[in-house]
């Protein structure tokens, strides 16, 4: 059974480890089966691309998946890495919040 992921598509994250340590970016895609995510501008690799009807041939740079353990959610207040917690609001909604500042992430 898969574990609950605390990082979702559209979140702003900070890279904690690896060659891109300290970089910020937005999550473009989450791959729960492998516990990985594709983050905009992070972990870019260059790949040879065959020509298709829509795309020219050549070497293209694209983002490769990065493991979720190397990512942390960006605190909405100051942009630094923060852990994620869950709490229930008065109206009964369960939301994520940044443990660093207490700021609600899901609006």
N, C-alpha and C. Protein backbone atom coordinates (compact mmCIF):
# COMPACT_ATOMS: atom_id res chain seq x y z
N UNK A 1 0.84 -1.20 0.00
CA UNK A 1 0.00 0.00 0.00
C UNK A 1 0.87 1.25 0.00
N UNK A 2 0.53 2.20 -0.83
CA UNK A 2 1.32 3.43 -0.96
C UNK A 2 1.08 4.35 0.23
N UNK A 3 2.12 5.10 0.58
CA UNK A 3 1.99 6.04 1.68
C UNK A 3 1.40 7.35 1.18
N UNK A 4 0.86 8.15 2.09
CA UNK A 4 0.26 9.43 1.73
C UNK A 4 1.38 10.41 1.41
N UNK A 5 1.30 11.02 0.24
CA UNK A 5 2.32 11.98 -0.17
C UNK A 5 1.96 13.37 0.32
N UNK A 6 2.96 14.07 0.81
CA UNK A 6 2.73 15.42 1.33
C UNK A 6 3.06 16.49 0.31
N UNK A 7 3.61 16.07 -0.84
CA UNK A 7 3.92 17.00 -1.91
C UNK A 7 3.00 16.69 -3.08
N UNK A 8 2.40 17.74 -3.65
CA UNK A 8 1.44 17.57 -4.73
C UNK A 8 1.82 18.42 -5.93
N UNK A 9 1.18 18.16 -7.06
CA UNK A 9 1.40 18.94 -8.26
C UNK A 9 1.03 20.40 -8.00
N UNK A 10 1.88 21.31 -8.44
CA UNK A 10 1.63 22.74 -8.25
C UNK A 10 2.29 23.32 -7.02
N UNK A 11 2.80 22.48 -6.12
CA UNK A 11 3.49 22.97 -4.93
C UNK A 11 4.83 23.58 -5.29
N UNK A 12 5.26 24.55 -4.50
CA UNK A 12 6.59 25.12 -4.64
C UNK A 12 7.49 24.43 -3.63
N UNK A 13 8.60 23.86 -4.12
CA UNK A 13 9.48 23.07 -3.27
C UNK A 13 10.92 23.57 -3.35
N UNK A 14 11.73 23.11 -2.37
CA UNK A 14 13.15 23.40 -2.31
C UNK A 14 13.88 22.07 -2.33
N UNK A 15 14.99 22.00 -3.09
CA UNK A 15 15.77 20.78 -3.16
C UNK A 15 16.74 20.75 -1.98
N UNK A 16 16.74 19.64 -1.23
CA UNK A 16 17.55 19.52 -0.02
C UNK A 16 18.89 18.85 -0.27
N UNK A 17 18.98 17.99 -1.30
CA UNK A 17 20.20 17.22 -1.52
C UNK A 17 20.41 17.00 -3.01
N UNK A 18 21.66 16.76 -3.39
CA UNK A 18 22.00 16.48 -4.78
C UNK A 18 22.65 17.65 -5.46
N UNK A 19 22.85 17.53 -6.76
CA UNK A 19 23.57 18.57 -7.52
C UNK A 19 22.80 19.88 -7.58
N UNK A 20 21.49 19.84 -7.39
CA UNK A 20 20.66 21.05 -7.45
C UNK A 20 20.25 21.54 -6.07
N UNK A 21 21.00 21.19 -5.04
CA UNK A 21 20.68 21.57 -3.66
C UNK A 21 20.49 23.09 -3.55
N UNK A 22 19.38 23.49 -2.91
CA UNK A 22 19.10 24.90 -2.71
C UNK A 22 18.21 25.52 -3.77
N UNK A 23 18.01 24.84 -4.89
CA UNK A 23 17.16 25.38 -5.95
C UNK A 23 15.69 25.29 -5.57
N UNK A 24 14.92 26.25 -6.08
CA UNK A 24 13.47 26.29 -5.86
C UNK A 24 12.78 25.98 -7.18
N UNK A 25 11.59 25.40 -7.13
CA UNK A 25 10.83 25.13 -8.34
C UNK A 25 9.43 24.67 -8.04
N UNK A 26 8.64 24.57 -9.09
CA UNK A 26 7.26 24.12 -8.97
C UNK A 26 7.15 22.67 -9.42
N UNK A 27 6.37 21.88 -8.69
CA UNK A 27 6.19 20.47 -9.03
C UNK A 27 5.28 20.38 -10.25
N UNK A 28 5.80 19.76 -11.32
CA UNK A 28 5.03 19.60 -12.55
C UNK A 28 4.25 18.29 -12.56
N UNK A 29 4.83 17.24 -11.95
CA UNK A 29 4.21 15.93 -11.95
C UNK A 29 4.72 15.14 -10.76
N UNK A 30 3.84 14.35 -10.14
CA UNK A 30 4.23 13.47 -9.04
C UNK A 30 4.03 12.03 -9.49
N UNK A 31 5.02 11.19 -9.19
CA UNK A 31 4.96 9.77 -9.54
C UNK A 31 4.94 8.97 -8.23
N UNK A 32 3.76 8.71 -7.66
CA UNK A 32 3.66 8.08 -6.34
C UNK A 32 4.24 6.67 -6.30
N UNK A 33 4.13 5.92 -7.40
CA UNK A 33 4.61 4.54 -7.44
C UNK A 33 6.11 4.47 -7.15
N UNK A 34 6.87 5.46 -7.64
CA UNK A 34 8.32 5.49 -7.45
C UNK A 34 8.75 6.49 -6.38
N UNK A 35 7.81 7.17 -5.74
CA UNK A 35 8.10 8.23 -4.76
C UNK A 35 9.01 9.30 -5.36
N UNK A 36 8.66 9.74 -6.55
CA UNK A 36 9.45 10.74 -7.25
C UNK A 36 8.56 11.86 -7.77
N UNK A 37 9.19 12.99 -8.10
CA UNK A 37 8.47 14.12 -8.67
C UNK A 37 9.33 14.79 -9.72
N UNK A 38 8.67 15.44 -10.68
CA UNK A 38 9.37 16.24 -11.68
C UNK A 38 9.16 17.69 -11.29
N UNK A 39 10.29 18.40 -11.09
CA UNK A 39 10.26 19.79 -10.64
C UNK A 39 10.82 20.68 -11.73
N UNK A 40 10.14 21.79 -11.99
CA UNK A 40 10.53 22.70 -13.06
C UNK A 40 11.91 23.30 -12.79
N UNK A 41 12.83 23.13 -13.75
CA UNK A 41 14.17 23.72 -13.65
C UNK A 41 15.14 22.98 -12.75
N UNK A 42 14.75 21.80 -12.25
CA UNK A 42 15.59 21.05 -11.33
C UNK A 42 15.92 19.68 -11.94
N UNK A 43 17.14 19.21 -11.75
CA UNK A 43 17.59 17.90 -12.23
C UNK A 43 17.42 17.78 -13.74
N UNK A 44 17.90 18.79 -14.47
CA UNK A 44 17.79 18.78 -15.92
C UNK A 44 18.85 17.87 -16.53
N UNK A 45 18.44 17.13 -17.54
CA UNK A 45 19.33 16.23 -18.27
C UNK A 45 19.19 16.54 -19.76
N UNK A 46 20.24 16.22 -20.52
CA UNK A 46 20.21 16.43 -21.97
C UNK A 46 20.03 15.08 -22.64
N UNK A 47 19.05 15.00 -23.54
CA UNK A 47 18.73 13.76 -24.20
C UNK A 47 18.69 13.96 -25.71
N UNK A 48 19.09 12.94 -26.45
CA UNK A 48 18.98 12.97 -27.90
C UNK A 48 17.52 12.73 -28.26
N UNK A 49 17.00 13.53 -29.18
CA UNK A 49 15.59 13.46 -29.56
C UNK A 49 15.49 13.11 -31.04
N UNK A 50 14.76 12.07 -31.37
CA UNK A 50 14.51 11.71 -32.77
C UNK A 50 13.48 12.67 -33.34
N UNK A 51 13.59 12.99 -34.61
CA UNK A 51 12.65 13.89 -35.24
C UNK A 51 11.27 13.24 -35.37
N UNK A 52 10.24 14.01 -35.04
CA UNK A 52 8.86 13.57 -35.22
C UNK A 52 8.13 14.60 -36.06
N UNK A 53 6.86 14.39 -36.29
CA UNK A 53 6.08 15.32 -37.10
C UNK A 53 5.96 16.69 -36.42
N UNK A 54 6.00 16.70 -35.09
CA UNK A 54 5.83 17.96 -34.36
C UNK A 54 7.13 18.52 -33.80
N UNK A 55 8.16 17.69 -33.67
CA UNK A 55 9.38 18.13 -32.99
C UNK A 55 10.61 17.91 -33.85
N UNK A 56 11.52 18.87 -33.78
CA UNK A 56 12.77 18.81 -34.53
C UNK A 56 13.74 17.86 -33.83
N UNK A 57 14.64 17.26 -34.60
CA UNK A 57 15.66 16.38 -34.03
C UNK A 57 16.75 17.20 -33.38
N UNK A 58 17.46 16.61 -32.42
CA UNK A 58 18.56 17.30 -31.77
C UNK A 58 18.67 16.90 -30.32
N UNK A 59 19.47 17.65 -29.59
CA UNK A 59 19.66 17.38 -28.16
C UNK A 59 18.79 18.36 -27.39
N UNK A 60 17.89 17.81 -26.57
CA UNK A 60 16.97 18.64 -25.79
C UNK A 60 17.25 18.48 -24.31
N UNK A 61 17.04 19.55 -23.56
CA UNK A 61 17.19 19.51 -22.10
C UNK A 61 15.81 19.38 -21.49
N UNK A 62 15.65 18.41 -20.57
CA UNK A 62 14.36 18.25 -19.90
C UNK A 62 14.60 17.82 -18.46
N UNK A 63 13.56 17.96 -17.65
CA UNK A 63 13.66 17.63 -16.23
C UNK A 63 13.51 16.14 -16.02
N UNK A 64 14.38 15.56 -15.19
CA UNK A 64 14.27 14.16 -14.82
C UNK A 64 13.64 14.08 -13.43
N UNK A 65 13.01 12.95 -13.10
CA UNK A 65 12.39 12.82 -11.78
C UNK A 65 13.43 12.87 -10.66
N UNK A 66 13.03 13.44 -9.52
CA UNK A 66 13.88 13.53 -8.34
C UNK A 66 13.11 12.90 -7.18
N UNK A 67 13.81 12.21 -6.29
CA UNK A 67 13.15 11.49 -5.20
C UNK A 67 12.53 12.49 -4.22
N UNK A 68 11.36 12.13 -3.68
CA UNK A 68 10.63 13.03 -2.77
C UNK A 68 11.40 13.30 -1.47
N UNK A 69 12.28 12.36 -1.08
CA UNK A 69 13.04 12.57 0.15
C UNK A 69 14.04 13.71 0.01
N UNK A 70 14.34 14.10 -1.23
CA UNK A 70 15.27 15.20 -1.47
C UNK A 70 14.57 16.54 -1.66
N UNK A 71 13.25 16.55 -1.45
CA UNK A 71 12.45 17.77 -1.61
C UNK A 71 11.79 18.15 -0.30
N UNK A 72 11.62 19.45 -0.10
CA UNK A 72 10.85 19.95 1.04
C UNK A 72 9.95 21.06 0.54
N UNK A 73 8.77 21.14 1.11
CA UNK A 73 7.83 22.18 0.73
C UNK A 73 8.40 23.55 1.11
N UNK A 74 8.17 24.53 0.26
CA UNK A 74 8.64 25.89 0.51
C UNK A 74 7.64 26.60 1.42
N UNK A 75 8.15 27.20 2.50
CA UNK A 75 7.28 27.93 3.42
C UNK A 75 6.68 29.14 2.70
N UNK A 76 5.35 29.32 2.73
CA UNK A 76 4.73 30.45 2.03
C UNK A 76 5.19 31.81 2.55
N UNK A 77 5.62 31.89 3.81
CA UNK A 77 6.03 33.17 4.37
C UNK A 77 7.42 33.60 3.92
N UNK A 78 8.43 32.73 4.11
CA UNK A 78 9.80 33.16 3.85
C UNK A 78 10.53 32.38 2.77
N UNK A 79 9.91 31.35 2.18
CA UNK A 79 10.52 30.62 1.09
C UNK A 79 11.56 29.60 1.50
N UNK A 80 11.70 29.35 2.79
CA UNK A 80 12.67 28.36 3.26
C UNK A 80 11.99 27.00 3.38
N UNK A 81 12.78 25.90 3.43
CA UNK A 81 12.18 24.57 3.51
C UNK A 81 11.39 24.37 4.80
N UNK A 82 10.28 23.68 4.69
CA UNK A 82 9.43 23.43 5.86
C UNK A 82 8.85 22.03 5.77
N UNK A 83 8.60 21.44 6.93
CA UNK A 83 7.89 20.17 6.96
C UNK A 83 6.40 20.45 6.84
N UNK A 84 5.64 19.39 6.56
CA UNK A 84 4.21 19.54 6.32
C UNK A 84 3.42 18.85 7.41
N UNK A 85 2.37 19.51 7.89
CA UNK A 85 1.46 18.91 8.86
C UNK A 85 0.04 19.03 8.34
N UNK A 86 -0.88 18.35 9.01
CA UNK A 86 -2.29 18.40 8.64
C UNK A 86 -3.09 18.89 9.84
N UNK A 87 -4.11 19.70 9.56
CA UNK A 87 -5.03 20.10 10.61
C UNK A 87 -6.41 20.30 10.03
N UNK A 88 -7.41 20.25 10.87
CA UNK A 88 -8.79 20.41 10.44
C UNK A 88 -9.26 21.80 10.84
N UNK A 89 -9.82 22.53 9.88
CA UNK A 89 -10.31 23.88 10.13
C UNK A 89 -11.69 23.83 10.79
N UNK A 90 -12.18 24.98 11.19
CA UNK A 90 -13.48 25.06 11.87
C UNK A 90 -14.62 24.58 10.97
N UNK A 91 -14.47 24.81 9.65
CA UNK A 91 -15.53 24.40 8.73
C UNK A 91 -15.44 22.93 8.34
N UNK A 92 -14.50 22.19 8.95
CA UNK A 92 -14.41 20.75 8.73
C UNK A 92 -13.46 20.31 7.64
N UNK A 93 -12.80 21.27 6.95
CA UNK A 93 -11.86 20.90 5.89
C UNK A 93 -10.52 20.50 6.48
N UNK A 94 -9.92 19.43 5.92
CA UNK A 94 -8.59 19.00 6.33
C UNK A 94 -7.59 19.65 5.38
N UNK A 95 -6.65 20.43 5.92
CA UNK A 95 -5.71 21.18 5.09
C UNK A 95 -4.27 20.90 5.52
N UNK A 96 -3.34 21.14 4.61
CA UNK A 96 -1.92 21.04 4.94
C UNK A 96 -1.43 22.40 5.43
N UNK A 97 -0.46 22.37 6.35
CA UNK A 97 0.12 23.62 6.80
C UNK A 97 1.63 23.45 6.97
N UNK A 98 2.35 24.56 6.85
CA UNK A 98 3.81 24.55 7.00
C UNK A 98 4.12 24.59 8.49
N UNK A 99 4.88 23.59 8.97
CA UNK A 99 5.18 23.53 10.39
C UNK A 99 6.13 24.65 10.82
N UNK A 100 6.88 25.20 9.89
CA UNK A 100 7.84 26.26 10.20
C UNK A 100 7.12 27.53 10.66
N UNK A 101 6.07 27.94 9.92
CA UNK A 101 5.39 29.19 10.24
C UNK A 101 3.94 28.99 10.68
N UNK A 102 3.37 27.81 10.46
CA UNK A 102 1.98 27.57 10.79
C UNK A 102 1.03 28.04 9.70
N UNK A 103 1.57 28.52 8.59
CA UNK A 103 0.78 29.04 7.48
C UNK A 103 0.07 27.90 6.74
N UNK A 104 -1.21 28.09 6.40
CA UNK A 104 -1.98 27.08 5.67
C UNK A 104 -1.54 27.09 4.21
N UNK A 105 -1.29 25.90 3.65
CA UNK A 105 -0.83 25.77 2.27
C UNK A 105 -2.00 25.64 1.32
N UNK A 106 -2.97 24.77 1.64
CA UNK A 106 -4.14 24.57 0.80
C UNK A 106 -5.16 25.65 1.08
N UNK A 107 -5.54 26.39 0.04
CA UNK A 107 -6.52 27.47 0.25
C UNK A 107 -7.77 27.18 -0.55
